[in-house]
Protein backbone atom coordinates (compact mmCIF):
# COMPACT_ATOMS: atom_id res chain seq x y z
CA MET A 1 -18.97 11.29 15.21
CA SER A 2 -19.89 11.05 11.52
CA SER A 3 -20.37 7.70 9.83
CA GLU A 4 -17.10 8.11 7.91
CA GLY A 5 -15.28 9.13 11.09
CA LYS A 6 -16.64 6.07 12.90
CA LYS A 7 -15.44 3.80 10.11
CA LEU A 8 -11.94 5.31 10.18
CA PHE A 9 -11.88 4.93 13.99
CA ASN A 10 -12.78 1.25 13.61
CA ILE A 11 -9.98 0.70 11.09
CA ILE A 12 -7.44 2.31 13.44
CA ILE A 13 -8.63 0.25 16.43
CA LEU A 14 -8.54 -2.88 14.27
CA GLY A 15 -4.96 -2.13 13.26
CA VAL A 16 -3.81 -1.28 16.80
CA SER A 17 -5.41 -4.44 18.21
CA PHE A 18 -3.66 -6.59 15.63
CA MET A 19 -0.44 -4.69 16.29
CA PHE A 20 -0.47 -5.74 19.97
CA ILE A 21 -1.45 -9.37 19.30
CA PHE A 22 1.11 -9.83 16.55
CA THR A 23 3.82 -7.95 18.43
CA ALA A 24 3.56 -10.95 20.72
CA PHE A 25 2.89 -13.71 18.20
CA GLN A 26 5.38 -12.71 15.49
CA SER A 27 8.11 -12.16 18.06
CA CYS A 28 7.25 -15.59 19.44
CA GLY A 29 7.47 -17.16 15.97
CA ASN A 30 10.72 -15.37 15.21
CA ILE A 31 12.50 -16.79 18.28
CA ALA A 32 10.58 -20.06 18.76
CA GLN A 33 13.01 -22.35 16.95
CA THR A 34 16.00 -20.69 18.63
CA VAL A 35 14.41 -21.06 22.09
CA ILE A 36 13.36 -24.65 21.38
CA THR A 37 16.86 -25.57 20.25
CA ASN A 38 18.06 -24.55 23.72
CA LEU A 39 15.28 -26.64 25.31
CA ASN A 40 15.86 -29.88 23.44
CA ASN A 41 18.45 -31.06 25.97
CA THR A 42 15.59 -31.22 28.52
CA ASP A 43 12.33 -33.20 28.59
CA PHE A 44 10.92 -30.94 25.90
CA HIS A 45 11.23 -32.38 22.39
CA GLY A 46 9.17 -30.08 20.18
CA SER A 47 10.06 -28.38 16.90
CA GLY A 48 9.24 -24.79 16.05
CA TYR A 49 9.02 -25.63 12.34
CA THR A 50 6.67 -28.55 13.05
CA SER A 51 4.50 -26.37 15.30
CA MET A 52 4.17 -23.71 12.61
CA SER A 53 3.38 -26.38 10.03
CA ILE A 54 0.58 -27.66 12.29
CA ILE A 55 -0.73 -24.11 12.86
CA TYR A 56 -0.94 -23.26 9.19
CA GLY A 57 -2.25 -26.69 8.22
CA VAL A 58 -5.10 -26.46 10.74
CA LEU A 59 -5.63 -22.80 9.76
CA SER A 60 -6.09 -23.74 6.12
CA ALA A 61 -8.65 -26.43 6.92
CA SER A 62 -10.45 -24.21 9.43
CA ASN A 63 -11.01 -21.54 6.79
CA LEU A 64 -13.69 -23.81 5.34
CA ILE A 65 -15.87 -23.18 8.41
CA SER A 66 -14.60 -19.80 9.64
CA PRO A 67 -17.11 -17.74 7.58
CA SER A 68 -19.92 -19.74 9.18
CA LEU A 69 -18.54 -19.17 12.67
CA VAL A 70 -18.17 -15.44 12.04
CA ALA A 71 -21.73 -15.37 10.67
CA ILE A 72 -23.06 -16.92 13.88
CA VAL A 73 -21.17 -14.92 16.55
CA GLY A 74 -20.25 -11.76 14.62
CA PRO A 75 -16.80 -10.40 13.67
CA GLN A 76 -16.11 -8.52 16.92
CA PHE A 77 -16.70 -11.42 19.32
CA SER A 78 -14.89 -13.76 16.89
CA MET A 79 -11.75 -11.62 17.13
CA VAL A 80 -11.95 -11.42 20.93
CA VAL A 81 -12.13 -15.21 21.38
CA SER A 82 -9.38 -15.75 18.80
CA GLY A 83 -7.14 -13.26 20.62
CA VAL A 84 -7.50 -15.28 23.83
CA PHE A 85 -6.22 -18.41 22.06
CA TYR A 86 -3.25 -16.49 20.65
CA SER A 87 -2.37 -15.48 24.21
CA LEU A 88 -2.65 -19.09 25.42
CA TYR A 89 -0.25 -20.28 22.70
CA ILE A 90 2.37 -17.73 23.70
CA ALA A 91 1.91 -18.57 27.39
CA VAL A 92 2.88 -22.20 26.70
CA PHE A 93 6.51 -21.07 26.30
CA ILE A 94 6.60 -19.82 29.92
CA GLN A 95 6.75 -23.45 31.09
CA PRO A 96 6.97 -25.57 27.92
CA ALA A 97 5.62 -29.11 27.66
CA THR A 98 5.63 -30.98 24.37
CA TRP A 99 1.95 -32.05 24.55
CA ALA A 100 0.79 -28.53 25.49
CA PHE A 101 2.91 -27.00 22.73
CA TYR A 102 1.38 -29.11 19.96
CA THR A 103 -2.16 -28.90 21.40
CA ALA A 104 -1.90 -25.11 21.47
CA SER A 105 -0.64 -25.22 17.88
CA VAL A 106 -3.87 -26.92 16.80
CA LEU A 107 -6.08 -24.50 18.75
CA ILE A 108 -4.35 -21.37 17.47
CA GLY A 109 -4.72 -22.68 13.91
CA ILE A 110 -8.50 -22.68 14.35
CA ALA A 111 -8.40 -19.28 16.09
CA ALA A 112 -6.26 -17.74 13.33
CA ALA A 113 -8.74 -18.77 10.63
CA VAL A 114 -11.59 -17.11 12.52
CA LEU A 115 -9.49 -14.03 13.39
CA TRP A 116 -8.43 -13.27 9.81
CA THR A 117 -11.86 -13.97 8.34
CA ALA A 118 -13.41 -11.57 10.88
CA GLN A 119 -10.66 -9.02 10.13
CA GLY A 120 -11.41 -9.08 6.40
CA ASN A 121 -15.12 -8.73 7.12
CA CYS A 122 -14.53 -5.79 9.48
CA LEU A 123 -12.15 -4.08 7.04
CA THR A 124 -14.63 -4.35 4.17
CA GLU A 125 -17.64 -3.28 6.26
CA ASN A 126 -15.81 -0.07 7.15
CA SER A 127 -14.64 0.69 3.59
CA ASP A 128 -16.00 1.36 0.12
CA GLU A 129 -14.31 1.22 -3.29
CA ASN A 130 -12.89 4.71 -2.75
CA THR A 131 -11.41 4.02 0.71
CA ILE A 132 -10.44 0.32 0.56
CA GLY A 133 -6.90 1.11 -0.63
CA ARG A 134 -6.36 3.72 2.07
CA ASN A 135 -7.85 1.56 4.81
CA SER A 136 -5.84 -1.49 3.74
CA GLY A 137 -2.69 0.63 3.99
CA ILE A 138 -3.59 2.02 7.43
CA PHE A 139 -4.36 -1.46 8.76
CA TRP A 140 -1.23 -3.00 7.25
CA ALA A 141 1.09 -0.25 8.53
CA LEU A 142 -0.32 -0.50 12.07
CA LEU A 143 -0.18 -4.30 12.01
CA GLN A 144 3.46 -4.33 10.92
CA CYS A 145 4.52 -2.02 13.75
CA SER A 146 4.32 -5.30 15.68
CA LEU A 147 7.56 -6.42 14.06
CA ILE A 148 9.42 -3.46 15.51
CA PHE A 149 8.36 -3.36 19.16
CA GLY A 150 8.72 -7.03 20.07
CA ASN A 151 11.98 -7.46 18.21
CA LEU A 152 13.46 -4.31 19.77
CA TYR A 153 12.96 -5.90 23.17
CA ILE A 154 14.52 -9.18 22.03
CA TYR A 155 17.49 -7.34 20.49
CA PHE A 156 18.39 -5.53 23.70
CA ALA A 157 17.45 -8.35 26.09
CA TRP A 158 19.49 -10.98 24.25
CA GLN A 159 22.43 -8.84 23.14
CA GLY A 160 25.72 -10.68 23.63
CA LYS A 161 24.06 -13.98 24.61
CA THR A 162 24.86 -17.27 22.90
CA HIS A 163 22.57 -19.32 25.17
CA ILE A 164 19.01 -18.47 26.24
CA SER A 165 18.52 -19.22 29.94
CA GLU A 166 15.26 -20.31 31.59
CA SER A 167 14.95 -16.91 33.27
CA ASP A 168 15.45 -15.08 29.95
CA ARG A 169 12.79 -17.23 28.30
CA ARG A 170 10.19 -16.78 31.03
CA THR A 171 10.66 -13.02 31.21
CA VAL A 172 10.22 -12.61 27.45
CA PHE A 173 7.14 -14.82 27.15
CA ILE A 174 5.33 -13.43 30.21
CA ALA A 175 5.71 -9.97 28.68
CA LEU A 176 4.53 -11.19 25.25
CA THR A 177 1.47 -12.90 26.78
CA VAL A 178 0.40 -9.68 28.52
CA ILE A 179 0.87 -7.69 25.30
CA SER A 180 -1.33 -10.16 23.40
CA LEU A 181 -4.09 -9.86 26.00
CA VAL A 182 -4.03 -6.05 25.74
CA GLY A 183 -4.65 -6.31 21.99
CA THR A 184 -7.52 -8.72 22.59
CA VAL A 185 -9.27 -6.33 24.98
CA LEU A 186 -8.98 -3.47 22.46
CA PHE A 187 -11.34 -5.31 20.07
CA PHE A 188 -14.20 -4.28 22.39
CA LEU A 189 -13.70 -0.65 21.27
CA ILE A 190 -14.78 -1.38 17.68
CA ARG A 191 -18.17 0.25 17.03
CA LYS A 192 -20.84 -1.61 15.12
CA GLN A 193 -22.17 -0.23 11.85
CA GLU A 194 -25.92 0.21 11.70
CA ASP A 195 -26.14 -1.15 8.16
CA THR A 196 -23.76 -4.04 8.67
CA LYS A 197 -24.43 -7.24 6.74
CA ALA A 198 -23.82 -10.61 8.21
CA PRO A 199 -20.99 -12.47 6.46
CA GLY A 200 -22.29 -14.59 3.60
CA ASP A 201 -25.65 -12.78 3.34
CA ASP A 202 -26.91 -11.35 0.10
CA ASP A 203 -29.71 -8.81 -0.25
CA SER A 204 -32.47 -11.37 -0.70
CA THR A 205 -31.35 -13.28 2.37
CA ASN A 206 -31.39 -10.10 4.44
CA GLU A 207 -34.98 -9.42 3.41
CA ILE A 208 -36.05 -12.85 4.57
CA LEU A 209 -34.09 -12.87 7.82
CA GLY A 210 -34.58 -9.24 8.77
CA GLU A 211 -33.01 -8.36 12.11
CA SER A 212 -33.87 -11.61 13.83
CA SER A 213 -31.07 -13.20 15.84
CA SER A 214 -32.74 -16.54 16.45
CA ALA A 215 -30.67 -19.72 16.42
CA ARG A 216 -32.40 -20.92 13.25
CA ASN A 217 -31.64 -17.75 11.32
CA LYS A 218 -28.03 -17.76 12.51
CA MET A 219 -27.67 -21.30 11.23
CA MET A 220 -29.11 -20.25 7.88
CA ARG A 221 -26.55 -17.46 7.66
CA ALA A 222 -23.78 -19.93 8.53
CA VAL A 223 -24.88 -22.33 5.78
CA ALA A 224 -25.13 -19.46 3.29
CA ALA A 225 -21.61 -18.32 4.18
CA PHE A 226 -20.24 -21.84 3.70
CA LYS A 227 -21.94 -22.22 0.31
CA LYS A 228 -20.65 -18.82 -0.78
CA SER A 229 -17.09 -19.83 0.16
CA ILE A 230 -17.31 -22.94 -2.02
CA THR A 231 -18.78 -20.97 -4.93
CA LEU A 232 -16.16 -18.21 -4.79
CA SER A 233 -13.31 -20.74 -4.60
CA PHE A 234 -13.91 -21.78 -8.20
CA THR A 235 -14.29 -18.35 -9.80
CA LYS A 236 -11.66 -17.39 -12.36
CA GLU A 237 -10.45 -14.37 -10.36
CA MET A 238 -10.06 -16.29 -7.11
CA LEU A 239 -8.20 -19.15 -8.77
CA LEU A 240 -5.76 -16.71 -10.37
CA LEU A 241 -5.26 -14.75 -7.14
CA SER A 242 -4.62 -18.02 -5.31
CA VAL A 243 -1.20 -18.29 -6.99
CA THR A 244 -0.26 -14.82 -5.72
CA THR A 245 -1.70 -15.60 -2.30
CA GLY A 246 0.25 -18.86 -2.17
CA TYR A 247 3.45 -16.91 -2.78
CA THR A 248 2.73 -14.64 0.19
CA GLY A 249 2.35 -17.79 2.30
CA LEU A 250 5.80 -19.03 1.29
CA VAL A 251 7.36 -15.63 1.96
CA LEU A 252 5.56 -15.38 5.32
CA THR A 253 7.16 -18.66 6.39
CA PHE A 254 10.57 -17.53 5.23
CA PHE A 255 10.79 -14.13 6.90
CA SER A 256 8.83 -15.01 10.06
CA GLY A 257 10.63 -18.24 10.90
CA VAL A 258 13.33 -19.47 8.55
CA TYR A 259 15.38 -16.32 7.97
CA GLY A 260 15.69 -15.49 11.68
CA THR A 261 16.81 -19.07 12.33
CA CYS A 262 19.43 -18.73 9.57
CA ILE A 263 20.85 -15.57 11.11
CA GLY A 264 20.95 -17.12 14.59
CA ALA A 265 22.83 -20.16 13.24
CA VAL A 266 25.73 -18.29 11.60
CA ASN A 267 28.67 -18.62 14.01
CA ARG A 268 30.68 -16.02 12.12
CA PHE A 269 28.33 -13.36 13.49
CA GLY A 270 29.89 -14.08 16.89
CA SER A 271 28.20 -13.12 20.14
CA GLU A 272 25.67 -10.99 18.24
CA GLU A 273 24.04 -13.88 16.39
CA LYS A 274 21.05 -14.23 18.76
CA SER A 275 20.36 -10.50 19.18
CA LEU A 276 20.58 -10.09 15.40
CA ILE A 277 17.39 -12.18 15.15
CA GLY A 278 15.55 -9.33 16.87
CA LEU A 279 17.29 -6.69 14.76
CA SER A 280 16.32 -8.59 11.61
CA GLY A 281 12.68 -8.53 12.72
CA ILE A 282 12.93 -4.77 13.23
CA PHE A 283 14.21 -4.20 9.70
CA ILE A 284 11.47 -6.45 8.29
CA GLY A 285 8.95 -4.32 10.21
CA VAL A 286 10.42 -1.07 8.88
CA GLY A 287 10.05 -2.41 5.33
CA GLU A 288 6.47 -3.52 5.99
CA ILE A 289 5.45 -0.18 7.53
CA LEU A 290 7.11 1.84 4.78
CA GLY A 291 5.35 -0.21 2.13
CA GLY A 292 2.00 0.04 3.90
CA GLY A 293 2.36 3.79 4.17
CA ILE A 294 3.49 4.47 0.62
CA PHE A 295 1.26 2.02 -1.25
CA GLY A 296 -1.76 2.19 1.04
CA LEU A 297 -2.06 5.69 2.48
CA LEU A 298 -0.94 7.33 -0.78
CA SER A 299 -2.98 5.04 -3.04
CA LYS A 300 -5.26 7.92 -4.11
CA LYS A 301 -2.34 9.47 -5.99
CA ASN A 302 -1.59 6.24 -7.83
CA ARG A 303 -3.28 6.41 -11.22
CA SER A 304 -1.67 3.24 -12.55
CA GLY A 305 -3.54 0.79 -10.35
CA ARG A 306 -2.08 -2.07 -8.34
CA ASN A 307 0.18 -3.74 -10.93
CA PRO A 308 3.20 -1.41 -10.59
CA VAL A 309 3.20 -1.96 -6.82
CA VAL A 310 3.19 -5.73 -7.23
CA MET A 311 5.93 -5.45 -9.87
CA LEU A 312 8.04 -3.48 -7.41
CA GLY A 313 7.36 -6.13 -4.77
CA ILE A 314 8.62 -9.04 -6.86
CA PHE A 315 11.65 -7.03 -8.03
CA VAL A 316 12.60 -6.18 -4.44
CA HIS A 317 12.13 -9.80 -3.36
CA PHE A 318 14.31 -11.15 -6.16
CA ILE A 319 17.11 -8.81 -5.09
CA ALA A 320 16.72 -10.00 -1.49
CA PHE A 321 16.78 -13.69 -2.50
CA TYR A 322 19.92 -13.13 -4.60
CA LEU A 323 21.76 -11.42 -1.73
CA ILE A 324 20.64 -14.05 0.81
CA PHE A 325 21.90 -16.80 -1.50
CA PHE A 326 25.34 -15.16 -1.57
CA ASN A 327 25.42 -14.16 2.11
CA MET A 328 23.97 -17.10 4.06
CA PRO A 329 25.44 -20.62 4.40
CA ASN A 330 23.37 -23.22 2.59
CA ASP A 331 22.82 -25.34 5.71
CA ALA A 332 21.74 -22.42 7.95
CA PRO A 333 17.99 -23.32 8.07
CA ILE A 334 18.72 -26.84 9.37
CA ALA A 335 21.91 -26.22 11.38
CA PRO A 336 22.25 -27.96 14.80
CA MET A 337 22.29 -26.12 18.16
CA GLU A 338 26.03 -25.44 17.73
CA GLY A 339 25.30 -23.42 14.58
CA THR A 340 27.21 -23.56 11.30
CA ASP A 341 30.73 -22.47 10.38
CA GLN A 342 30.13 -22.81 6.65
CA VAL A 343 30.47 -19.85 4.30
CA ALA A 344 28.41 -19.16 1.18
CA TYR A 345 29.82 -17.12 -1.70
CA MET A 346 30.96 -14.27 0.56
CA ILE A 347 31.94 -13.81 4.18
CA PRO A 348 28.61 -13.45 6.06
CA SER A 349 27.84 -9.76 6.45
CA LYS A 350 25.53 -8.40 9.16
CA GLU A 351 24.85 -5.32 7.06
CA VAL A 352 23.78 -7.36 4.02
CA ALA A 353 21.65 -9.60 6.26
CA MET A 354 19.78 -6.58 7.66
CA LEU A 355 19.35 -5.07 4.19
CA CYS A 356 17.75 -8.32 3.07
CA SER A 357 15.41 -8.21 6.08
CA PHE A 358 14.26 -4.73 5.04
CA LEU A 359 13.76 -5.83 1.42
CA LEU A 360 11.76 -8.90 2.50
CA GLY A 361 9.41 -6.68 4.52
CA LEU A 362 9.06 -4.04 1.80
CA GLY A 363 8.27 -6.61 -0.90
CA ASP A 364 5.80 -8.44 1.34
CA SER A 365 3.89 -5.23 2.04
CA CYS A 366 3.64 -4.58 -1.71
CA PHE A 367 1.89 -7.90 -2.25
CA ASN A 368 -0.32 -7.93 0.84
CA THR A 369 -1.65 -4.36 0.63
CA GLN A 370 -2.61 -4.92 -3.00
CA LEU A 371 -4.19 -8.31 -2.29
CA LEU A 372 -6.26 -6.84 0.55
CA SER A 373 -7.28 -3.99 -1.73
CA ILE A 374 -8.29 -6.08 -4.72
CA LEU A 375 -10.20 -8.61 -2.58
CA GLY A 376 -12.13 -5.81 -0.87
CA PHE A 377 -12.87 -4.28 -4.25
CA LEU A 378 -13.92 -7.45 -6.08
CA TYR A 379 -15.84 -9.06 -3.20
CA SER A 380 -17.28 -6.15 -1.23
CA GLU A 381 -20.59 -8.03 -0.85
CA ASP A 382 -18.96 -11.34 0.12
CA SER A 383 -16.01 -10.20 2.21
CA ALA A 384 -15.95 -12.95 4.85
CA PRO A 385 -15.91 -15.89 2.39
CA ALA A 386 -13.39 -14.10 0.13
CA PHE A 387 -10.94 -13.40 2.94
CA ALA A 388 -11.42 -16.93 4.28
CA ILE A 389 -10.32 -18.32 0.91
CA PHE A 390 -7.37 -15.90 0.91
CA LYS A 391 -6.21 -17.17 4.32
CA PHE A 392 -6.94 -20.78 3.33
CA VAL A 393 -4.55 -20.65 0.38
CA GLN A 394 -1.95 -18.54 2.18
CA SER A 395 -1.89 -20.73 5.26
CA ILE A 396 -1.78 -24.07 3.44
CA CYS A 397 1.24 -22.86 1.48
CA ALA A 398 2.82 -21.61 4.71
CA ALA A 399 2.19 -25.02 6.30
CA VAL A 400 3.90 -26.79 3.39
CA ALA A 401 6.82 -24.36 3.56
CA TYR A 402 7.27 -24.85 7.31
CA PHE A 403 7.26 -28.61 6.75
CA TYR A 404 9.95 -28.61 4.06
CA SER A 405 11.99 -26.04 6.04
CA ASN A 406 12.95 -28.93 8.33
CA TYR A 407 14.72 -30.64 5.44
CA PHE A 408 15.51 -28.33 2.49
CA LEU A 409 18.77 -26.45 2.15
CA LEU A 410 18.55 -22.68 1.73
CA GLN A 411 19.11 -22.69 -2.05
CA TRP A 412 16.06 -24.89 -2.70
CA GLN A 413 13.82 -22.80 -0.47
CA LEU A 414 14.87 -19.66 -2.36
CA LEU A 415 14.32 -21.33 -5.75
CA ILE A 416 10.77 -22.36 -4.82
CA MET A 417 9.90 -18.77 -3.85
CA VAL A 418 11.38 -17.38 -7.07
CA LEU A 419 9.30 -19.70 -9.26
CA VAL A 420 6.01 -19.25 -7.39
CA GLY A 421 6.57 -15.48 -7.11
CA PHE A 422 7.10 -15.14 -10.86
CA PHE A 423 3.87 -16.93 -11.77
CA GLY A 424 1.97 -15.24 -8.89
CA THR A 425 2.86 -11.83 -10.29
CA ILE A 426 1.56 -12.75 -13.74
CA THR A 427 -1.76 -14.06 -12.38
CA PHE A 428 -2.24 -10.91 -10.27
CA PHE A 429 -1.69 -8.76 -13.37
CA THR A 430 -4.40 -10.73 -15.18
CA VAL A 431 -6.98 -10.14 -12.43
CA GLU A 432 -6.05 -6.45 -12.11
CA TRP A 433 -6.51 -5.87 -15.83
CA GLY A 434 -9.97 -7.39 -15.52
CA ALA A 435 -10.78 -5.11 -12.56
CA ALA A 436 -9.62 -2.08 -14.56
CA ALA A 437 -11.84 -3.08 -17.48
CA ALA A 438 -14.83 -3.45 -15.13
CA LEU A 439 -14.22 0.04 -13.71
CA ALA A 440 -13.93 1.53 -17.18
CA ALA A 441 -17.21 -0.11 -18.19
CA ARG A 442 -18.89 1.58 -15.19
CA GLY A 443 -17.33 4.92 -16.07
CA SER A 444 -15.30 5.05 -12.83
CA ASP A 445 -11.84 6.54 -12.45
CA TYR A 446 -9.13 3.84 -12.30
CA SER A 447 -7.24 5.84 -9.69
CA SER A 448 -10.09 5.34 -7.24
CA ILE A 449 -8.92 1.82 -6.45
């Protein structure tokens, strides 16, 4: 197999592995609060929102050390170990205990930081400035297939049910645990590149360290990766992109946890309210996959750069937020187990709710594919630290959003996303214009990005 063919194979395996793991994890996150609400009459007294807040809080802090960990053990082994911890978190729901639930939340936060740092490193190692857009799209489309498969199962398994029994819960989470483990094993199929750089290394460091894998040299690479992360954090481009990245964290919280909870709490949806959570996840996945395909796989035909895609993303999201505001009761995110009988500005419509799910996924894919692309382009030599900073900002904003989701009415959550999304779009435009100017100065074609 040619070098280019090997790189494309690695990207596909990377995407498929993530698809399996996040088929399990995202389905788990989508139904966690609904399942926990049914458990809170027992000895279990956890909160899905609190768990997610812990996960993303720990994830954000762990991104400070994740480049160093990836530098020591390598991206492939880092993803394997992280996948095991994802599986353990999901397995907790088979027989839930409050202490195990929150302990697993801490551990998966650390694992997620390492997983996504290693993913960014692997994506960049197998791409160049001409293929980073295509490869980001392939990875994103495969990853977002996860939203379809897991939620299809939930939709059919929970159709017509207003209460989730112990048997229903165990069956779902045993299946999701096995699926996560399959994705973890697939990481072993990724083939190493002969000219791969260790995360955080620069050319001069490579000359000094050579191919030695001694403990001392690994520690030097880890320290170099940590220093590079700190340095990159304060560059103009990274600070500007942090606003855009923070917005994706808020949106991630909303569509992966809050919106499904809102749908499941609307009593006017009748006996379909629980199964609609799964159907909503499917429509989010369709939007994500469509966006990944159009704006990633077809990026070579886009001669206008990344800005029009991001503009489309914010436009689509604003439409979704407007419709959700009119369609969903204001107290839906914090409704009790009995649900809510309130009505917003229209009678709750299942069709409008599913349309909003699709728009949330489509807009999210616009932002994420372009962020992955521009980070890979700007920081091709420092991919692990750059992607660690990306996940640091995204996850800390997601943690904050999960925390306030316990208390804020729907209208305030939507308003926060509108404001941050507006400013995030402007800051992305600023960085993209700078990238275009740099390409023009080198005499490269702008469409190559």
